Amino acid sequence: MSYIDRNLIEGERVVYRTRLHWLVFATPLVVTIVVLLPASWFLLNSLNWQGFA
């Protein structure tokens, strides 16, 4: 029994159940990759330059 089913008032019923679309999860994943890849590249390259300072 779900949270919603447990908290219905007497006489109420769930008419429609739905789930989140997969795109809702894919968008943050793509944004994370787009941000983390350049950031990690920059950090790795900046560590190489520290030895020459």
C-alpha atoms as a PDB file:
ATOM      1  CA  MET A   1       0.000   0.000   0.000  1.00  0.00           C
ATOM      2  CA  SER A   2       1.443   3.358  -1.026  1.00  0.00           C
ATOM      3  CA  TYR A   3       1.620   6.550   1.018  1.00  0.00           C
ATOM      4  CA  ILE A   4      -1.245   8.049  -0.937  1.00  0.00           C
ATOM      5  CA  ASP A   5      -3.445   4.987  -0.486  1.00  0.00           C
ATOM      6  CA  ARG A   6      -2.867   5.039   3.285  1.00  0.00           C
ATOM      7  CA  ASN A   7      -3.852   8.707   3.566  1.00  0.00           C
ATOM      8  CA  LEU A   8      -7.057   8.754   1.581  1.00  0.00           C
ATOM      9  CA  ILE A   9     -10.166   9.979   3.382  1.00  0.00           C
ATOM     10  CA  GLU A  10     -13.089   7.558   3.501  1.00  0.00           C
ATOM     11  CA  GLY A  11     -14.837   7.582   0.145  1.00  0.00           C
ATOM     12  CA  GLU A  12     -11.818   8.871  -1.794  1.00  0.00           C
ATOM     13  CA  ARG A  13     -10.110   6.767  -4.422  1.00  0.00           C
ATOM     14  CA  VAL A  14      -7.139   7.103  -6.749  1.00  0.00           C
ATOM     15  CA  VAL A  15      -8.360   7.660 -10.287  1.00  0.00           C
ATOM     16  CA  TYR A  16      -5.052   7.785 -12.170  1.00  0.00           C
ATOM     17  CA  ARG A  17      -1.473   6.710 -11.363  1.00  0.00           C
ATOM     18  CA  THR A  18       1.538   7.812 -13.326  1.00  0.00           C
ATOM     19  CA  ARG A  19       5.331   7.622 -13.335  1.00  0.00           C
ATOM     20  CA  LEU A  20       8.057  10.060 -14.288  1.00  0.00           C
ATOM     21  CA  HIS A  21       9.252  10.065 -17.877  1.00  0.00           C
ATOM     22  CA  TRP A  22      12.812   8.771 -18.403  1.00  0.00           C
ATOM     23  CA  LEU A  23      13.820  12.161 -19.815  1.00  0.00           C
ATOM     24  CA  VAL A  24      13.381  13.667 -16.357  1.00  0.00           C
ATOM     25  CA  PHE A  25      16.345  11.535 -15.236  1.00  0.00           C
ATOM     26  CA  ALA A  26      18.396  11.812 -18.441  1.00  0.00           C
ATOM     27  CA  THR A  27      18.537  15.612 -18.519  1.00  0.00           C
ATOM     28  CA  PRO A  28      20.406  16.036 -15.175  1.00  0.00           C
ATOM     29  CA  LEU A  29      22.747  13.209 -16.200  1.00  0.00           C
ATOM     30  CA  VAL A  30      23.655  14.953 -19.456  1.00  0.00           C
ATOM     31  CA  VAL A  31      24.125  18.296 -17.694  1.00  0.00           C
ATOM     32  CA  THR A  32      26.373  16.640 -15.103  1.00  0.00           C
ATOM     33  CA  ILE A  33      28.514  15.063 -17.803  1.00  0.00           C
ATOM     34  CA  VAL A  34      28.770  18.339 -19.716  1.00  0.00           C
ATOM     35  CA  VAL A  35      29.919  20.131 -16.543  1.00  0.00           C
ATOM     36  CA  LEU A  36      32.135  17.438 -14.993  1.00  0.00           C
ATOM     37  CA  LEU A  37      34.120  16.473 -18.083  1.00  0.00           C
ATOM     38  CA  PRO A  38      35.517  19.964 -18.740  1.00  0.00           C
ATOM     39  CA  ALA A  39      36.016  20.555 -15.005  1.00  0.00           C
ATOM     40  CA  SER A  40      37.972  17.317 -14.571  1.00  0.00           C
ATOM     41  CA  TRP A  41      40.043  18.060 -17.695  1.00  0.00           C
ATOM     42  CA  PHE A  42      40.862  21.515 -16.338  1.00  0.00           C
ATOM     43  CA  LEU A  43      41.831  20.145 -12.920  1.00  0.00           C
ATOM     44  CA  LEU A  44      44.031  17.420 -14.382  1.00  0.00           C
ATOM     45  CA  ASN A  45      45.799  19.883 -16.664  1.00  0.00           C
ATOM     46  CA  SER A  46      46.268  22.451 -13.900  1.00  0.00           C
ATOM     47  CA  LEU A  47      47.932  19.778 -11.735  1.00  0.00           C
ATOM     48  CA  ASN A  48      50.473  19.167 -14.505  1.00  0.00           C
ATOM     49  CA  TRP A  49      51.359  22.882 -14.604  1.00  0.00           C
ATOM     50  CA  GLN A  50      52.073  23.087 -10.861  1.00  0.00           C
ATOM     51  CA  GLY A  51      55.437  21.377 -11.294  1.00  0.00           C
ATOM     52  CA  PHE A  52      56.652  24.165 -13.623  1.00  0.00           C
ATOM     53  CA  ALA A  53      55.854  27.111 -11.348  1.00  0.00           C
END
